[in-house]
């Protein structure tokens, strides 16, 4: 364990040297500001790092991640991120990205099948998703298939919640802004579009 943090610094130094060698002005330009075209609302899961799985560079994607990629209308954190991304940065696309084998979705599926949500803040955070899960027709489905249905239904619900937020509604009165629902498949490494894109005229 003692070597984990020192190794992070070594890896960072090697990465910075490689980037600086390939593009000597990159860090100077990066320090002058950001202009991402995408806001990524994803899960905190360590297996779904947006920049890595999309081969993006720092500055390409503005990001908010939380447990099970939720968009709660009363969560000042996520609404602040959306507001800044839309109003200040002028992003053109917002991606709500769920993923297979999601631990948060698992907890909600287990609760819907007679278990209990985790106690404390985590359980409170997952309650809306657990309530959604109980409305789904999952009877007789194998666990992995049921779990994927929960993940997909959650993305659909979060897109619906997102497009009803004030920052998105305000932006739609002035310009194009597109909201997409995706699922990242851990088993293949591929992003899958759920075909639920919303825009000012969609």
Protein backbone atom coordinates (compact mmCIF):
# COMPACT_ATOMS: atom_id res chain seq x y z
CA UNK A 1 0.00 0.00 0.00
CA UNK A 2 2.83 2.38 0.81
CA UNK A 3 3.91 2.49 -2.82
CA UNK A 4 0.53 3.45 -4.28
CA UNK A 5 0.76 7.21 -3.71
CA UNK A 6 4.42 7.56 -4.73
CA UNK A 7 3.59 5.60 -7.87
CA UNK A 8 0.81 8.08 -8.65
CA UNK A 9 3.34 10.92 -8.62
CA UNK A 10 5.75 8.94 -10.77
CA UNK A 11 3.00 8.13 -13.27
CA UNK A 12 1.88 11.76 -13.31
CA UNK A 13 5.40 12.98 -13.98
CA UNK A 14 5.81 10.51 -16.82
CA UNK A 15 2.45 11.50 -18.31
CA UNK A 16 3.21 15.24 -18.06
CA UNK A 17 6.59 14.72 -19.70
CA UNK A 18 5.04 12.72 -22.56
CA UNK A 19 2.31 15.29 -23.18
CA UNK A 20 4.77 18.16 -22.99
CA UNK A 21 7.06 16.43 -25.45
CA UNK A 22 4.25 15.80 -27.94
CA UNK A 23 2.70 19.26 -27.54
CA UNK A 24 5.00 21.78 -25.81
CA UNK A 25 2.25 24.43 -25.52
CA UNK A 26 -0.47 22.11 -24.19
CA UNK A 27 -0.22 22.94 -20.49
CA UNK A 28 0.24 26.67 -21.10
CA UNK A 29 -2.89 26.71 -23.24
CA UNK A 30 -4.78 24.55 -20.75
CA UNK A 31 -4.07 27.01 -17.96
CA UNK A 32 -5.63 29.84 -19.96
CA UNK A 33 -9.16 28.40 -19.92
CA UNK A 34 -11.45 25.62 -21.01
CA UNK A 35 -13.96 25.29 -23.82
CA UNK A 36 -15.38 21.75 -23.70
CA UNK A 37 -18.28 20.91 -26.01
CA UNK A 38 -19.52 18.02 -23.86
CA UNK A 39 -20.84 17.67 -20.32
CA UNK A 40 -20.60 14.08 -19.08
CA UNK A 41 -22.92 13.05 -16.25
CA UNK A 42 -21.69 9.63 -15.25
CA UNK A 43 -21.21 7.18 -12.43
CA UNK A 44 -18.38 7.39 -9.90
CA UNK A 45 -17.40 3.80 -10.71
CA UNK A 46 -13.62 3.57 -11.13
CA UNK A 47 -14.04 1.41 -14.23
CA UNK A 48 -15.72 4.18 -16.23
CA UNK A 49 -13.24 7.07 -16.56
CA UNK A 50 -14.73 9.22 -19.31
CA UNK A 51 -11.49 10.62 -20.69
CA UNK A 52 -9.91 7.18 -20.94
CA UNK A 53 -12.83 5.32 -22.55
CA UNK A 54 -13.33 8.08 -25.14
CA UNK A 55 -9.62 8.70 -25.74
CA UNK A 56 -10.15 12.37 -24.86
CA UNK A 57 -7.65 14.92 -23.66
CA UNK A 58 -7.89 17.19 -20.62
CA UNK A 59 -10.21 20.04 -21.54
CA UNK A 60 -12.40 18.03 -23.91
CA UNK A 61 -15.10 16.92 -21.45
CA UNK A 62 -16.63 18.75 -18.48
CA UNK A 63 -17.59 16.12 -15.94
CA UNK A 64 -19.87 15.34 -13.03
CA UNK A 65 -19.91 11.84 -11.55
CA UNK A 66 -21.94 10.42 -8.68
CA UNK A 67 -23.27 7.07 -7.48
CA UNK A 68 -25.39 5.53 -10.28
CA UNK A 69 -25.26 8.70 -12.44
CA UNK A 70 -28.32 10.32 -10.90
CA UNK A 71 -29.81 13.74 -11.71
CA UNK A 72 -31.78 14.74 -8.63
CA UNK A 73 -33.57 18.09 -9.14
CA UNK A 74 -32.92 19.05 -5.50
CA UNK A 75 -29.19 18.25 -5.64
CA UNK A 76 -27.36 21.59 -5.73
CA UNK A 77 -24.15 19.83 -6.75
CA UNK A 78 -25.39 18.39 -10.03
CA UNK A 79 -27.57 21.42 -10.84
CA UNK A 80 -24.59 23.73 -10.27
CA UNK A 81 -22.50 21.65 -12.66
CA UNK A 82 -25.23 21.71 -15.30
CA UNK A 83 -25.68 25.47 -14.87
CA UNK A 84 -21.99 26.22 -15.22
CA UNK A 85 -21.53 23.87 -18.16
CA UNK A 86 -24.54 25.22 -20.06
CA UNK A 87 -24.52 28.92 -19.15
CA UNK A 88 -20.82 29.65 -18.68
CA UNK A 89 -19.05 27.11 -20.87
CA UNK A 90 -21.71 26.79 -23.56
CA UNK A 91 -21.48 23.03 -23.95
CA UNK A 92 -23.38 21.68 -26.95
CA UNK A 93 -24.02 18.13 -25.73
CA UNK A 94 -24.88 16.61 -22.36
CA UNK A 95 -24.34 12.89 -22.00
CA UNK A 96 -26.05 10.90 -19.25
CA UNK A 97 -24.00 7.72 -19.07
CA UNK A 98 -24.95 4.62 -17.13
CA UNK A 99 -22.97 1.40 -17.21
CA UNK A 100 -23.48 -2.33 -16.90
CA UNK A 101 -22.76 -4.03 -13.56
CA UNK A 102 -23.47 -0.76 -11.72
CA UNK A 103 -23.25 -1.19 -7.95
CA UNK A 104 -25.90 1.44 -7.28
CA UNK A 105 -28.31 -0.24 -9.67
CA UNK A 106 -27.51 -3.58 -8.05
CA UNK A 107 -28.44 -2.22 -4.64
CA UNK A 108 -31.75 -0.96 -6.00
CA UNK A 109 -32.51 -4.22 -7.78
CA UNK A 110 -31.77 -6.17 -4.60
CA UNK A 111 -34.04 -3.84 -2.61
CA UNK A 112 -36.82 -4.29 -5.16
CA UNK A 113 -36.48 -8.06 -4.72
CA UNK A 114 -36.97 -7.90 -0.97
CA UNK A 115 -33.67 -6.62 0.33
CA UNK A 116 -32.86 -3.28 1.92
CA UNK A 117 -31.00 -0.25 0.67
CA UNK A 118 -27.74 0.66 2.42
CA UNK A 119 -28.30 2.78 5.54
CA UNK A 120 -27.59 6.50 5.76
CA UNK A 121 -26.79 8.93 2.94
CA UNK A 122 -26.17 6.24 0.33
CA UNK A 123 -29.59 4.71 0.86
CA UNK A 124 -31.25 8.12 0.72
CA UNK A 125 -29.39 8.92 -2.49
CA UNK A 126 -30.52 5.67 -4.12
CA UNK A 127 -34.16 5.86 -2.97
CA UNK A 128 -35.51 7.46 -6.19
CA UNK A 129 -33.78 4.80 -8.29
CA UNK A 130 -35.04 2.05 -5.99
CA UNK A 131 -38.59 3.40 -6.37
CA UNK A 132 -38.17 3.41 -10.15
CA UNK A 133 -36.84 -0.14 -10.09
CA UNK A 134 -39.96 -1.35 -8.28
CA UNK A 135 -42.10 -0.10 -11.18
CA UNK A 136 -40.24 -2.14 -13.80
CA UNK A 137 -41.46 -5.49 -15.12
CA UNK A 138 -38.47 -7.64 -14.16
CA UNK A 139 -40.36 -10.78 -13.21
CA UNK A 140 -38.59 -13.96 -14.31
CA UNK A 141 -35.58 -12.19 -15.81
CA UNK A 142 -32.09 -13.49 -15.04
CA UNK A 143 -30.26 -11.16 -12.70
CA UNK A 144 -27.81 -9.73 -15.30
CA UNK A 145 -30.63 -8.99 -17.73
CA UNK A 146 -32.77 -7.41 -15.00
CA UNK A 147 -29.82 -5.30 -13.91
CA UNK A 148 -29.25 -3.99 -17.42
CA UNK A 149 -32.92 -3.05 -17.65
CA UNK A 150 -32.58 -1.09 -14.39
CA UNK A 151 -29.50 0.71 -15.73
CA UNK A 152 -31.26 1.60 -18.99
CA UNK A 153 -34.45 2.72 -17.25
CA UNK A 154 -32.40 4.89 -14.94
CA UNK A 155 -30.65 6.63 -17.84
CA UNK A 156 -34.03 7.30 -19.46
CA UNK A 157 -35.32 8.77 -16.18
CA UNK A 158 -32.24 10.93 -15.67
CA UNK A 159 -32.49 12.34 -19.19
CA UNK A 160 -36.12 13.22 -18.50
CA UNK A 161 -35.15 14.89 -15.22
CA UNK A 162 -32.25 16.72 -16.85
CA UNK A 163 -34.24 18.27 -19.68
CA UNK A 164 -36.71 19.67 -17.15
CA UNK A 165 -34.01 21.61 -15.27
CA UNK A 166 -33.93 25.39 -15.51
CA UNK A 167 -30.48 25.61 -17.18
CA UNK A 168 -31.54 23.32 -20.02
CA UNK A 169 -34.95 24.93 -20.46
CA UNK A 170 -33.35 28.39 -20.56
CA UNK A 171 -30.71 27.29 -23.07
CA UNK A 172 -33.34 25.79 -25.36
CA UNK A 173 -34.97 29.19 -25.72
CA UNK A 174 -31.74 30.57 -27.15
CA UNK A 175 -29.74 27.85 -28.85
CA UNK A 176 -29.24 24.20 -29.70
CA UNK A 177 -28.33 21.90 -26.84
CA UNK A 178 -28.59 18.13 -27.12
CA UNK A 179 -29.09 15.66 -24.27
CA UNK A 180 -28.16 12.04 -24.90
CA UNK A 181 -28.63 8.81 -22.96
CA UNK A 182 -25.83 6.23 -23.19
CA UNK A 183 -24.78 3.01 -21.52
CA UNK A 184 -21.14 1.94 -21.23
CA UNK A 185 -20.73 -1.80 -21.48
CA UNK A 186 -17.96 -2.98 -19.19
CA UNK A 187 -17.93 -6.33 -20.95
CA UNK A 188 -17.00 -4.87 -24.34
CA UNK A 189 -15.62 -1.39 -23.65
CA UNK A 190 -18.20 0.15 -25.97
CA UNK A 191 -20.68 2.97 -25.47
CA UNK A 192 -24.25 2.21 -26.54
CA UNK A 193 -26.67 4.97 -27.55
CA UNK A 194 -30.17 4.37 -26.16
CA UNK A 195 -31.72 6.51 -28.91
CA UNK A 196 -33.42 8.96 -26.56
CA UNK A 197 -31.65 12.17 -27.60
CA UNK A 198 -33.55 15.32 -26.71
CA UNK A 199 -33.10 18.80 -28.09
CA UNK A 200 -34.98 22.09 -28.32
CA UNK A 201 -37.25 20.64 -31.00
CA UNK A 202 -37.18 16.98 -29.95
